[in-house]
Amino acid sequence: MASPSSGNPARPPAGVRLCALGDIADPGGKSFRFRAESKLFAGFVLRRGDAVAGWVDSCPHAGWPLAPLDDRYLTRSGEHILCAGHGALFNLDGVCVTGPCLGERLAPWPVALRDGDVFTA
């Protein structure tokens, strides 16, 4: 199955500065949206200390954003990524461990940390 962002002209190229690391709660997440005409790319970045990971913001079960109203991507304990739509839980490596998409994965969105800023990779 193709990733939700395959061929999406709104997906930003490598090297785009997203934010300062300090703009993301620790631990926590931050959403990013990019538009190219009628196309939209939605991604989010998770932070734990000085480590960042990016994911396409799309539930593999339903296709909707995981945290549509705010940047609350993690459970209160910070141990899992939460789909607000139906409560599915994903390990921090993107694999669903509870919910209707059990065993499915979030699509990765490569990001990198350089000099205190988060960039697309």
PDB file of N, CA and C in Angstrom:
ATOM      1  N   MET A   1       0.851  -1.187   0.000  1.00  0.00           N
ATOM      2  CA  MET A   1       0.000   0.000   0.000  1.00  0.00           C
ATOM      3  C   MET A   1       0.889   1.240   0.000  1.00  0.00           C
ATOM      4  N   ALA A   2       0.568   2.227  -0.784  1.00  0.00           N
ATOM      5  CA  ALA A   2       1.345   3.466  -0.869  1.00  0.00           C
ATOM      6  C   ALA A   2       1.132   4.297   0.389  1.00  0.00           C
ATOM      7  N   SER A   3       2.153   5.018   0.767  1.00  0.00           N
ATOM      8  CA  SER A   3       2.054   5.912   1.911  1.00  0.00           C
ATOM      9  C   SER A   3       1.043   7.013   1.592  1.00  0.00           C
ATOM     10  N   PRO A   4       0.361   7.575   2.630  1.00  0.00           N
ATOM     11  CA  PRO A   4      -0.618   8.620   2.389  1.00  0.00           C
ATOM     12  C   PRO A   4      -0.028   9.853   1.720  1.00  0.00           C
ATOM     13  N   SER A   5       1.283   9.997   1.746  1.00  0.00           N
ATOM     14  CA  SER A   5       1.887  11.193   1.179  1.00  0.00           C
ATOM     15  C   SER A   5       2.568  10.935  -0.155  1.00  0.00           C
ATOM     16  N   SER A   6       2.503   9.697  -0.679  1.00  0.00           N
ATOM     17  CA  SER A   6       3.181   9.379  -1.939  1.00  0.00           C
ATOM     18  C   SER A   6       2.711  10.312  -3.038  1.00  0.00           C
ATOM     19  N   GLY A   7       3.675  10.953  -3.687  1.00  0.00           N
ATOM     20  CA  GLY A   7       3.338  11.823  -4.808  1.00  0.00           C
ATOM     21  C   GLY A   7       2.603  13.091  -4.434  1.00  0.00           C
ATOM     22  N   ASN A   8       2.542  13.432  -3.179  1.00  0.00           N
ATOM     23  CA  ASN A   8       1.805  14.611  -2.739  1.00  0.00           C
ATOM     24  C   ASN A   8       2.672  15.856  -2.982  1.00  0.00           C
ATOM     25  N   PRO A   9       2.253  16.754  -3.881  1.00  0.00           N
ATOM     26  CA  PRO A   9       3.059  17.945  -4.159  1.00  0.00           C
ATOM     27  C   PRO A   9       3.139  18.914  -2.981  1.00  0.00           C
ATOM     28  N   ALA A  10       2.291  18.742  -1.977  1.00  0.00           N
ATOM     29  CA  ALA A  10       2.335  19.624  -0.808  1.00  0.00           C
ATOM     30  C   ALA A  10       3.377  19.164   0.216  1.00  0.00           C
ATOM     31  N   ARG A  11       3.870  17.948   0.065  1.00  0.00           N
ATOM     32  CA  ARG A  11       4.896  17.459   1.007  1.00  0.00           C
ATOM     33  C   ARG A  11       6.164  18.285   0.825  1.00  0.00           C
ATOM     34  N   PRO A  12       6.687  18.876   1.911  1.00  0.00           N
ATOM     35  CA  PRO A  12       7.858  19.745   1.763  1.00  0.00           C
ATOM     36  C   PRO A  12       9.113  18.942   1.429  1.00  0.00           C
ATOM     37  N   PRO A  13      10.006  19.510   0.646  1.00  0.00           N
ATOM     38  CA  PRO A  13      11.260  18.825   0.321  1.00  0.00           C
ATOM     39  C   PRO A  13      12.196  18.824   1.523  1.00  0.00           C
ATOM     40  N   ALA A  14      13.256  18.062   1.426  1.00  0.00           N
ATOM     41  CA  ALA A  14      14.277  18.034   2.472  1.00  0.00           C
ATOM     42  C   ALA A  14      14.887  19.429   2.628  1.00  0.00           C
ATOM     43  N   GLY A  15      15.235  19.767   3.871  1.00  0.00           N
ATOM     44  CA  GLY A  15      15.908  21.029   4.141  1.00  0.00           C
ATOM     45  C   GLY A  15      15.020  22.167   4.565  1.00  0.00           C
ATOM     46  N   VAL A  16      13.709  21.949   4.685  1.00  0.00           N
ATOM     47  CA  VAL A  16      12.788  23.000   5.119  1.00  0.00           C
ATOM     48  C   VAL A  16      12.822  23.077   6.653  1.00  0.00           C
ATOM     49  N   ARG A  17      13.091  24.271   7.175  1.00  0.00           N
ATOM     50  CA  ARG A  17      13.084  24.466   8.628  1.00  0.00           C
ATOM     51  C   ARG A  17      11.638  24.443   9.112  1.00  0.00           C
ATOM     52  N   LEU A  18      11.379  23.596  10.114  1.00  0.00           N
ATOM     53  CA  LEU A  18      10.038  23.483  10.671  1.00  0.00           C
ATOM     54  C   LEU A  18       9.861  24.362  11.896  1.00  0.00           C
ATOM     55  N   CYS A  19      10.814  24.308  12.831  1.00  0.00           N
ATOM     56  CA  CYS A  19      10.705  25.084  14.060  1.00  0.00           C
ATOM     57  C   CYS A  19      11.980  24.910  14.866  1.00  0.00           C
ATOM     58  N   ALA A  20      12.074  25.642  15.960  1.00  0.00           N
ATOM     59  CA  ALA A  20      13.147  25.419  16.928  1.00  0.00           C
ATOM     60  C   ALA A  20      12.755  24.223  17.788  1.00  0.00           C
ATOM     61  N   LEU A  21      13.741  23.464  18.240  1.00  0.00           N
ATOM     62  CA  LEU A  21      13.454  22.318  19.108  1.00  0.00           C
ATOM     63  C   LEU A  21      12.657  22.763  20.328  1.00  0.00           C
ATOM     64  N   GLY A  22      12.978  23.933  20.875  1.00  0.00           N
ATOM     65  CA  GLY A  22      12.284  24.452  22.044  1.00  0.00           C
ATOM     66  C   GLY A  22      10.817  24.765  21.821  1.00  0.00           C
ATOM     67  N   ASP A  23      10.365  24.794  20.560  1.00  0.00           N
ATOM     68  CA  ASP A  23       8.948  25.033  20.261  1.00  0.00           C
ATOM     69  C   ASP A  23       8.089  23.781  20.458  1.00  0.00           C
ATOM     70  N   ILE A  24       8.740  22.641  20.704  1.00  0.00           N
ATOM     71  CA  ILE A  24       8.027  21.383  20.904  1.00  0.00           C
ATOM     72  C   ILE A  24       8.173  20.989  22.370  1.00  0.00           C
ATOM     73  N   ALA A  25       7.059  20.688  23.025  1.00  0.00           N
ATOM     74  CA  ALA A  25       7.095  20.262  24.425  1.00  0.00           C
ATOM     75  C   ALA A  25       7.983  19.027  24.563  1.00  0.00           C
ATOM     76  N   ASP A  26       8.545  18.826  25.752  1.00  0.00           N
ATOM     77  CA  ASP A  26       9.413  17.676  25.998  1.00  0.00           C
ATOM     78  C   ASP A  26       8.900  16.892  27.195  1.00  0.00           C
ATOM     79  N   PRO A  27       8.346  15.708  26.997  1.00  0.00           N
ATOM     80  CA  PRO A  27       8.055  15.094  25.698  1.00  0.00           C
ATOM     81  C   PRO A  27       6.778  15.688  25.125  1.00  0.00           C
ATOM     82  N   GLY A  28       6.660  15.643  23.824  1.00  0.00           N
ATOM     83  CA  GLY A  28       5.466  16.178  23.188  1.00  0.00           C
ATOM     84  C   GLY A  28       5.566  16.143  21.687  1.00  0.00           C
ATOM     85  N   GLY A  29       4.600  16.789  21.053  1.00  0.00           N
ATOM     86  CA  GLY A  29       4.541  16.791  19.603  1.00  0.00           C
ATOM     87  C   GLY A  29       4.065  18.122  19.072  1.00  0.00           C
ATOM     88  N   LYS A  30       4.267  18.308  17.777  1.00  0.00           N
ATOM     89  CA  LYS A  30       3.837  19.542  17.118  1.00  0.00           C
ATOM     90  C   LYS A  30       3.429  19.187  15.698  1.00  0.00           C
ATOM     91  N   SER A  31       2.293  19.728  15.275  1.00  0.00           N
ATOM     92  CA  SER A  31       1.791  19.454  13.926  1.00  0.00           C
ATOM     93  C   SER A  31       2.272  20.501  12.935  1.00  0.00           C
ATOM     94  N   PHE A  32       2.354  20.076  11.682  1.00  0.00           N
ATOM     95  CA  PHE A  32       2.753  20.951  10.580  1.00  0.00           C
ATOM     96  C   PHE A  32       1.860  20.649   9.392  1.00  0.00           C
ATOM     97  N   ARG A  33       1.391  21.717   8.740  1.00  0.00           N
ATOM     98  CA  ARG A  33       0.523  21.575   7.571  1.00  0.00           C
ATOM     99  C   ARG A  33       1.119  22.375   6.427  1.00  0.00           C
ATOM    100  N   PHE A  34       1.113  21.782   5.242  1.00  0.00           N
ATOM    101  CA  PHE A  34       1.626  22.427   4.039  1.00  0.00           C
ATOM    102  C   PHE A  34       0.583  22.276   2.946  1.00  0.00           C
ATOM    103  N   ARG A  35       0.406  23.329   2.161  1.00  0.00           N
ATOM    104  CA  ARG A  35      -0.594  23.316   1.094  1.00  0.00           C
ATOM    105  C   ARG A  35       0.072  23.676  -0.226  1.00  0.00           C
ATOM    106  N   ALA A  36      -0.335  22.965  -1.274  1.00  0.00           N
ATOM    107  CA  ALA A  36       0.057  23.272  -2.648  1.00  0.00           C
ATOM    108  C   ALA A  36      -1.215  23.163  -3.478  1.00  0.00           C
ATOM    109  N   GLU A  37      -1.773  24.328  -3.808  1.00  0.00           N
ATOM    110  CA  GLU A  37      -3.067  24.407  -4.497  1.00  0.00           C
ATOM    111  C   GLU A  37      -4.107  23.639  -3.690  1.00  0.00           C
ATOM    112  N   SER A  38      -4.719  22.595  -4.240  1.00  0.00           N
ATOM    113  CA  SER A  38      -5.771  21.886  -3.510  1.00  0.00           C
ATOM    114  C   SER A  38      -5.235  20.727  -2.678  1.00  0.00           C
ATOM    115  N   LYS A  39      -3.934  20.501  -2.694  1.00  0.00           N
ATOM    116  CA  LYS A  39      -3.338  19.379  -1.954  1.00  0.00           C
ATOM    117  C   LYS A  39      -2.846  19.845  -0.589  1.00  0.00           C
ATOM    118  N   LEU A  40      -2.968  18.957   0.394  1.00  0.00           N
ATOM    119  CA  LEU A  40      -2.531  19.241   1.757  1.00  0.00           C
ATOM    120  C   LEU A  40      -1.628  18.114   2.222  1.00  0.00           C
ATOM    121  N   PHE A  41      -0.538  18.472   2.891  1.00  0.00           N
ATOM    122  CA  PHE A  41       0.298  17.498   3.570  1.00  0.00           C
ATOM    123  C   PHE A  41       0.246  17.818   5.053  1.00  0.00           C
ATOM    124  N   ALA A  42      -0.019  16.805   5.869  1.00  0.00           N
ATOM    125  CA  ALA A  42      -0.067  16.968   7.317  1.00  0.00           C
ATOM    126  C   ALA A  42       0.959  16.031   7.938  1.00  0.00           C
ATOM    127  N   GLY A  43       1.816  16.584   8.773  1.00  0.00           N
ATOM    128  CA  GLY A  43       2.804  15.786   9.478  1.00  0.00           C
ATOM    129  C   GLY A  43       2.930  16.274  10.906  1.00  0.00           C
ATOM    130  N   PHE A  44       3.579  15.459  11.732  1.00  0.00           N
ATOM    131  CA  PHE A  44       3.861  15.904  13.092  1.00  0.00           C
ATOM    132  C   PHE A  44       5.234  15.414  13.507  1.00  0.00           C
ATOM    133  N   VAL A  45       5.811  16.147  14.441  1.00  0.00           N
ATOM    134  CA  VAL A  45       7.126  15.817  14.973  1.00  0.00           C
ATOM    135  C   VAL A  45       6.971  15.554  16.463  1.00  0.00           C
ATOM    136  N   LEU A  46       7.548  14.433  16.911  1.00  0.00           N
ATOM    137  CA  LEU A  46       7.589  14.113  18.331  1.00  0.00           C
ATOM    138  C   LEU A  46       8.968  14.436  18.871  1.00  0.00           C
ATOM    139  N   ARG A  47       8.984  14.882  20.114  1.00  0.00           N
ATOM    140  CA  ARG A  47      10.250  15.184  20.793  1.00  0.00           C
ATOM    141  C   ARG A  47      10.317  14.427  22.103  1.00  0.00           C
ATOM    142  N   ARG A  48      11.477  13.858  22.358  1.00  0.00           N
ATOM    143  CA  ARG A  48      11.820  13.286  23.662  1.00  0.00           C
ATOM    144  C   ARG A  48      13.263  13.691  23.910  1.00  0.00           C
ATOM    145  N   GLY A  49      13.464  14.678  24.772  1.00  0.00           N
ATOM    146  CA  GLY A  49      14.803  15.205  25.008  1.00  0.00           C
ATOM    147  C   GLY A  49      15.324  15.872  23.747  1.00  0.00           C
ATOM    148  N   ASP A  50      16.490  15.442  23.309  1.00  0.00           N
ATOM    149  CA  ASP A  50      17.072  15.996  22.084  1.00  0.00           C
ATOM    150  C   ASP A  50      16.811  15.112  20.869  1.00  0.00           C
ATOM    151  N   ALA A  51      15.926  14.137  20.998  1.00  0.00           N
ATOM    152  CA  ALA A  51      15.592  13.248  19.873  1.00  0.00           C
ATOM    153  C   ALA A  51      14.263  13.681  19.255  1.00  0.00           C
ATOM    154  N   VAL A  52      14.203  13.667  17.923  1.00  0.00           N
ATOM    155  CA  VAL A  52      12.972  13.987  17.206  1.00  0.00           C
ATOM    156  C   VAL A  52      12.662  12.876  16.206  1.00  0.00           C
ATOM    157  N   ALA A  53      11.372  12.688  15.953  1.00  0.00           N
ATOM    158  CA  ALA A  53      10.910  11.731  14.946  1.00  0.00           C
ATOM    159  C   ALA A  53       9.694  12.346  14.273  1.00  0.00           C
ATOM    160  N   GLY A  54       9.572  12.141  12.979  1.00  0.00           N
ATOM    161  CA  GLY A  54       8.451  12.701  12.240  1.00  0.00           C
ATOM    162  C   GLY A  54       7.548  11.623  11.670  1.00  0.00           C
ATOM    163  N   TRP A  55       6.270  11.926  11.610  1.00  0.00           N
ATOM    164  CA  TRP A  55       5.267  11.003  11.094  1.00  0.00           C
ATOM    165  C   TRP A  55       4.256  11.763  10.239  1.00  0.00           C
ATOM    166  N   VAL A  56       3.742  11.097   9.222  1.00  0.00           N
ATOM    167  CA  VAL A  56       2.614  11.638   8.467  1.00  0.00           C
ATOM    168  C   VAL A  56       1.417  11.590   9.405  1.00  0.00           C
ATOM    169  N   ASP A  57       0.684  12.680   9.498  1.00  0.00           N
ATOM    170  CA  ASP A  57      -0.434  12.793  10.445  1.00  0.00           C
ATOM    171  C   ASP A  57      -1.695  12.198   9.832  1.00  0.00           C
ATOM    172  N   SER A  58      -1.730  10.873   9.781  1.00  0.00           N
ATOM    173  CA  SER A  58      -2.866  10.168   9.191  1.00  0.00           C
ATOM    174  C   SER A  58      -2.999   8.801   9.843  1.00  0.00           C
ATOM    175  N   CYS A  59      -4.134   8.533  10.446  1.00  0.00           N
ATOM    176  CA  CYS A  59      -4.393   7.232  11.052  1.00  0.00           C
ATOM    177  C   CYS A  59      -4.433   6.177   9.942  1.00  0.00           C
ATOM    178  N   PRO A  60      -3.680   5.076  10.078  1.00  0.00           N
ATOM    179  CA  PRO A  60      -3.701   4.058   9.027  1.00  0.00           C
ATOM    180  C   PRO A  60      -5.048   3.355   8.904  1.00  0.00           C
ATOM    181  N   HIS A  61      -5.876   3.436   9.930  1.00  0.00           N
ATOM    182  CA  HIS A  61      -7.199   2.801   9.905  1.00  0.00           C
ATOM    183  C   HIS A  61      -8.242   3.683   9.209  1.00  0.00           C
ATOM    184  N   ALA A  62      -8.269   4.968   9.581  1.00  0.00           N
ATOM    185  CA  ALA A  62      -9.348   5.839   9.114  1.00  0.00           C
ATOM    186  C   ALA A  62      -8.891   6.969   8.201  1.00  0.00           C
ATOM    187  N   GLY A  63      -7.602   7.279   8.191  1.00  0.00           N
ATOM    188  CA  GLY A  63      -7.099   8.336   7.326  1.00  0.00           C
ATOM    189  C   GLY A  63      -7.211   9.739   7.890  1.00  0.00           C
ATOM    190  N   TRP A  64      -7.795   9.897   9.051  1.00  0.00           N
ATOM    191  CA  TRP A  64      -7.928  11.230   9.627  1.00  0.00           C
ATOM    192  C   TRP A  64      -6.688  11.595  10.454  1.00  0.00           C
ATOM    193  N   PRO A  65      -6.502  12.896  10.776  1.00  0.00           N
ATOM    194  CA  PRO A  65      -5.366  13.306  11.612  1.00  0.00           C
ATOM    195  C   PRO A  65      -5.481  12.685  13.011  1.00  0.00           C
ATOM    196  N   LEU A  66      -4.340  12.391  13.610  1.00  0.00           N
ATOM    197  CA  LEU A  66      -4.338  11.775  14.941  1.00  0.00           C
ATOM    198  C   LEU A  66      -4.756  12.750  16.027  1.00  0.00           C
ATOM    199  N   ALA A  67      -4.358  14.001  15.925  1.00  0.00           N
ATOM    200  CA  ALA A  67      -4.700  15.024  16.923  1.00  0.00           C
ATOM    201  C   ALA A  67      -5.238  16.243  16.171  1.00  0.00           C
ATOM    202  N   PRO A  68      -6.487  16.193  15.725  1.00  0.00           N
ATOM    203  CA  PRO A  68      -6.986  17.232  14.821  1.00  0.00           C
ATOM    204  C   PRO A  68      -7.136  18.625  15.412  1.00  0.00           C
ATOM    205  N   LEU A  69      -7.227  18.763  16.723  1.00  0.00           N
ATOM    206  CA  LEU A  69      -7.515  20.077  17.301  1.00  0.00           C
ATOM    207  C   LEU A  69      -6.335  20.711  18.030  1.00  0.00           C
ATOM    208  N   ASP A  70      -5.346  19.927  18.365  1.00  0.00           N
ATOM    209  CA  ASP A  70      -4.212  20.462  19.119  1.00  0.00           C
ATOM    210  C   ASP A  70      -2.994  19.581  18.861  1.00  0.00           C
ATOM    211  N   ASP A  71      -1.942  19.785  19.605  1.00  0.00           N
ATOM    212  CA  ASP A  71      -0.711  19.026  19.415  1.00  0.00           C
ATOM    213  C   ASP A  71      -0.564  17.899  20.443  1.00  0.00           C
ATOM    214  N   ARG A  72      -1.667  17.349  20.912  1.00  0.00           N
ATOM    215  CA  ARG A  72      -1.621  16.271  21.909  1.00  0.00           C
ATOM    216  C   ARG A  72      -1.524  14.916  21.213  1.00  0.00           C
ATOM    217  N   TYR A  73      -0.325  14.596  20.785  1.00  0.00           N
ATOM    218  CA  TYR A  73      -0.094  13.326  20.091  1.00  0.00           C
ATOM    219  C   TYR A  73       0.243  12.194  21.044  1.00  0.00           C
ATOM    220  N   LEU A  74       0.733  12.520  22.228  1.00  0.00           N
ATOM    221  CA  LEU A  74       1.156  11.490  23.167  1.00  0.00           C
ATOM    222  C   LEU A  74       0.116  11.274  24.259  1.00  0.00           C
ATOM    223  N   THR A  75       0.105  10.046  24.784  1.00  0.00           N
ATOM    224  CA  THR A  75      -0.714   9.768  25.956  1.00  0.00           C
ATOM    225  C   THR A  75      -0.141  10.557  27.138  1.00  0.00           C
ATOM    226  N   ARG A  76      -0.894  10.646  28.212  1.00  0.00           N
ATOM    227  CA  ARG A  76      -0.432  11.413  29.385  1.00  0.00           C
ATOM    228  C   ARG A  76       0.898  10.902  29.920  1.00  0.00           C
ATOM    229  N   SER A  77       1.121   9.598  29.818  1.00  0.00           N
ATOM    230  CA  SER A  77       2.383   9.025  30.289  1.00  0.00           C
ATOM    231  C   SER A  77       3.534   9.301  29.323  1.00  0.00           C
ATOM    232  N   GLY A  78       3.224   9.686  28.082  1.00  0.00           N
ATOM    233  CA  GLY A  78       4.243   9.929  27.074  1.00  0.00           C
ATOM    234  C   GLY A  78       4.797   8.663  26.452  1.00  0.00           C
ATOM    235  N   GLU A  79       4.175   7.517  26.745  1.00  0.00           N
ATOM    236  CA  GLU A  79       4.678   6.232  26.271  1.00  0.00           C
ATOM    237  C   GLU A  79       4.122   5.812  24.920  1.00  0.00           C
ATOM    238  N   HIS A  80       3.022   6.419  24.491  1.00  0.00           N
ATOM    239  CA  HIS A  80       2.386   6.021  23.237  1.00  0.00           C
ATOM    240  C   HIS A  80       1.888   7.245  22.468  1.00  0.00           C
ATOM    241  N   ILE A  81       1.762   7.071  21.158  1.00  0.00           N
ATOM    242  CA  ILE A  81       1.092   8.034  20.288  1.00  0.00           C
ATOM    243  C   ILE A  81      -0.380   7.642  20.299  1.00  0.00           C
ATOM    244  N   LEU A  82      -1.273   8.620  20.437  1.00  0.00           N
ATOM    245  CA  LEU A  82      -2.701   8.369  20.558  1.00  0.00           C
ATOM    246  C   LEU A  82      -3.460   8.899  19.352  1.00  0.00           C
ATOM    247  N   CYS A  83      -4.352   8.084  18.804  1.00  0.00           N
ATOM    248  CA  CYS A  83      -5.292   8.559  17.783  1.00  0.00           C
ATOM    249  C   CYS A  83      -6.531   9.056  18.517  1.00  0.00           C
ATOM    250  N   ALA A  84      -6.774  10.361  18.469  1.00  0.00           N
ATOM    251  CA  ALA A  84      -7.908  10.953  19.188  1.00  0.00           C
ATOM    252  C   ALA A  84      -9.241  10.484  18.627  1.00  0.00           C
ATOM    253  N   GLY A  85      -9.279  10.059  17.374  1.00  0.00           N
ATOM    254  CA  GLY A  85     -10.533   9.643  16.747  1.00  0.00           C
ATOM    255  C   GLY A  85     -11.122   8.372  17.307  1.00  0.00           C
ATOM    256  N   HIS A  86     -10.306   7.360  17.566  1.00  0.00           N
ATOM    257  CA  HIS A  86     -10.849   6.099  18.073  1.00  0.00           C
ATOM    258  C   HIS A  86      -9.992   5.453  19.156  1.00  0.00           C
ATOM    259  N   GLY A  87      -9.001   6.180  19.656  1.00  0.00           N
ATOM    260  CA  GLY A  87      -8.246   5.706  20.803  1.00  0.00           C
ATOM    261  C   GLY A  87      -7.157   4.686  20.510  1.00  0.00           C
ATOM    262  N   ALA A  88      -6.808   4.458  19.264  1.00  0.00           N
ATOM    263  CA  ALA A  88      -5.727   3.535  18.966  1.00  0.00           C
ATOM    264  C   ALA A  88      -4.435   4.062  19.583  1.00  0.00           C
ATOM    265  N   LEU A  89      -3.588   3.137  20.019  1.00  0.00           N
ATOM    266  CA  LEU A  89      -2.304   3.500  20.592  1.00  0.00           C
ATOM    267  C   LEU A  89      -1.190   2.942  19.715  1.00  0.00           C
ATOM    268  N   PHE A  90      -0.180   3.767  19.490  1.00  0.00           N
ATOM    269  CA  PHE A  90       0.979   3.388  18.690  1.00  0.00           C
ATOM    270  C   PHE A  90       2.221   3.488  19.558  1.00  0.00           C
ATOM    271  N   ASN A  91       3.128   2.521  19.420  1.00  0.00           N
ATOM    272  CA  ASN A  91       4.439   2.667  20.049  1.00  0.00           C
ATOM    273  C   ASN A  91       5.110   3.888  19.449  1.00  0.00           C
ATOM    274  N   LEU A  92       6.160   4.365  20.092  1.00  0.00           N
ATOM    275  CA  LEU A  92       6.855   5.546  19.586  1.00  0.00           C
ATOM    276  C   LEU A  92       7.593   5.265  18.279  1.00  0.00           C
ATOM    277  N   ASP A  93       7.668   3.982  17.877  1.00  0.00           N
ATOM    278  CA  ASP A  93       8.233   3.640  16.574  1.00  0.00           C
ATOM    279  C   ASP A  93       7.163   3.570  15.490  1.00  0.00           C
ATOM    280  N   GLY A  94       5.905   3.949  15.838  1.00  0.00           N
ATOM    281  CA  GLY A  94       4.831   4.052  14.855  1.00  0.00           C
ATOM    282  C   GLY A  94       3.980   2.820  14.648  1.00  0.00           C
ATOM    283  N   VAL A  95       4.202   1.742  15.393  1.00  0.00           N
ATOM    284  CA  VAL A  95       3.419   0.518  15.231  1.00  0.00           C
ATOM    285  C   VAL A  95       2.210   0.561  16.164  1.00  0.00           C
ATOM    286  N   CYS A  96       1.023   0.269  15.616  1.00  0.00           N
ATOM    287  CA  CYS A  96      -0.201   0.247  16.418  1.00  0.00           C
ATOM    288  C   CYS A  96      -0.196  -0.994  17.313  1.00  0.00           C
ATOM    289  N   VAL A  97      -0.411  -0.765  18.621  1.00  0.00           N
ATOM    290  CA  VAL A  97      -0.422  -1.864  19.582  1.00  0.00           C
ATOM    291  C   VAL A  97      -1.798  -2.100  20.187  1.00  0.00           C
ATOM    292  N   THR A  98      -2.724  -1.164  19.999  1.00  0.00           N
ATOM    293  CA  THR A  98      -4.084  -1.301  20.507  1.00  0.00           C
ATOM    294  C   THR A  98      -5.030  -0.524  19.606  1.00  0.00           C
ATOM    295  N   GLY A  99      -6.098  -1.169  19.164  1.00  0.00           N
ATOM    296  CA  GLY A  99      -7.094  -0.475  18.355  1.00  0.00           C
ATOM    297  C   GLY A  99      -7.362  -1.188  17.045  1.00  0.00           C
ATOM    298  N   PRO A 100      -8.223  -0.602  16.210  1.00  0.00           N
ATOM    299  CA  PRO A 100      -8.652  -1.264  14.976  1.00  0.00           C
ATOM    300  C   PRO A 100      -7.564  -1.379  13.910  1.00  0.00           C
ATOM    301  N   CYS A 101      -6.446  -0.699  14.099  1.00  0.00           N
ATOM    302  CA  CYS A 101      -5.356  -0.791  13.117  1.00  0.00           C
ATOM    303  C   CYS A 101      -4.185  -1.581  13.697  1.00  0.00           C
ATOM    304  N   LEU A 102      -4.464  -2.492  14.627  1.00  0.00           N
ATOM    305  CA  LEU A 102      -3.456  -3.294  15.307  1.00  0.00           C
ATOM    306  C   LEU A 102      -2.445  -3.866  14.313  1.00  0.00           C
ATOM    307  N   GLY A 103      -1.163  -3.604  14.579  1.00  0.00           N
ATOM    308  CA  GLY A 103      -0.091  -4.106  13.733  1.00  0.00           C
ATOM    309  C   GLY A 103       0.262  -3.209  12.556  1.00  0.00           C
ATOM    310  N   GLU A 104      -0.616  -2.265  12.212  1.00  0.00           N
ATOM    311  CA  GLU A 104      -0.304  -1.341  11.120  1.00  0.00           C
ATOM    312  C   GLU A 104       0.648  -0.260  11.632  1.00  0.00           C
ATOM    313  N   ARG A 105       1.256   0.475  10.698  1.00  0.00           N
ATOM    314  CA  ARG A 105       2.260   1.486  11.056  1.00  0.00           C
ATOM    315  C   ARG A 105       1.852   2.867  10.578  1.00  0.00           C
ATOM    316  N   LEU A 106       2.282   3.857  11.329  1.00  0.00           N
ATOM    317  CA  LEU A 106       2.219   5.230  10.843  1.00  0.00           C
ATOM    318  C   LEU A 106       3.279   5.380   9.766  1.00  0.00           C
ATOM    319  N   ALA A 107       3.019   6.220   8.781  1.00  0.00           N
ATOM    320  CA  ALA A 107       4.005   6.472   7.728  1.00  0.00           C
ATOM    321  C   ALA A 107       5.051   7.447   8.255  1.00  0.00           C
ATOM    322  N   PRO A 108       6.335   7.109   8.150  1.00  0.00           N
ATOM    323  CA  PRO A 108       7.377   8.019   8.633  1.00  0.00           C
ATOM    324  C   PRO A 108       7.490   9.270   7.771  1.00  0.00           C
ATOM    325  N   TRP A 109       7.882  10.349   8.407  1.00  0.00           N
ATOM    326  CA  TRP A 109       8.192  11.620   7.739  1.00  0.00           C
ATOM    327  C   TRP A 109       9.575  12.016   8.235  1.00  0.00           C
ATOM    328  N   PRO A 110      10.602  11.831   7.435  1.00  0.00           N
ATOM    329  CA  PRO A 110      11.967  12.075   7.900  1.00  0.00           C
ATOM    330  C   PRO A 110      12.199  13.530   8.310  1.00  0.00           C
ATOM    331  N   VAL A 111      12.716  13.685   9.532  1.00  0.00           N
ATOM    332  CA  VAL A 111      13.088  14.994  10.056  1.00  0.00           C
ATOM    333  C   VAL A 111      14.457  14.868  10.711  1.00  0.00           C
ATOM    334  N   ALA A 112      15.129  15.995  10.897  1.00  0.00           N
ATOM    335  CA  ALA A 112      16.456  16.002  11.509  1.00  0.00           C
ATOM    336  C   ALA A 112      16.610  17.238  12.378  1.00  0.00           C
ATOM    337  N   LEU A 113      17.443  17.102  13.381  1.00  0.00           N
ATOM    338  CA  LEU A 113      17.760  18.210  14.285  1.00  0.00           C
ATOM    339  C   LEU A 113      19.144  18.737  13.920  1.00  0.00           C
ATOM    340  N   ARG A 114      19.216  20.054  13.648  1.00  0.00           N
ATOM    341  CA  ARG A 114      20.496  20.703  13.320  1.00  0.00           C
ATOM    342  C   ARG A 114      20.562  22.035  14.052  1.00  0.00           C
ATOM    343  N   ASP A 115      21.593  22.183  14.850  1.00  0.00           N
ATOM    344  CA  ASP A 115      21.845  23.454  15.556  1.00  0.00           C
ATOM    345  C   ASP A 115      20.612  23.970  16.297  1.00  0.00           C
ATOM    346  N   GLY A 116      19.880  23.056  16.936  1.00  0.00           N
ATOM    347  CA  GLY A 116      18.724  23.454  17.733  1.00  0.00           C
ATOM    348  C   GLY A 116      17.451  23.685  16.961  1.00  0.00           C
ATOM    349  N   ASP A 117      17.453  23.417  15.657  1.00  0.00           N
ATOM    350  CA  ASP A 117      16.255  23.577  14.823  1.00  0.00           C
ATOM    351  C   ASP A 117      15.876  22.234  14.198  1.00  0.00           C
ATOM    352  N   VAL A 118      14.587  22.059  13.937  1.00  0.00           N
ATOM    353  CA  VAL A 118      14.074  20.841  13.309  1.00  0.00           C
ATOM    354  C   VAL A 118      13.828  21.135  11.827  1.00  0.00           C
ATOM    355  N   PHE A 119      14.349  20.256  10.984  1.00  0.00           N
ATOM    356  CA  PHE A 119      14.229  20.385   9.526  1.00  0.00           C
ATOM    357  C   PHE A 119      13.646  19.118   8.931  1.00  0.00           C
ATOM    358  N   THR A 120      13.030  19.238   7.755  1.00  0.00           N
ATOM    359  CA  THR A 120      12.672  18.052   6.987  1.00  0.00           C
ATOM    360  C   THR A 120      13.968  17.438   6.489  1.00  0.00           C
ATOM    361  N   ALA A 121      13.966  16.112   6.353  1.00  0.00           N
ATOM    362  CA  ALA A 121      15.192  15.411   5.921  1.00  0.00           C
ATOM    363  C   ALA A 121      14.929  14.614   4.644  1.00  0.00           C
TER     364      ALA A 121
END
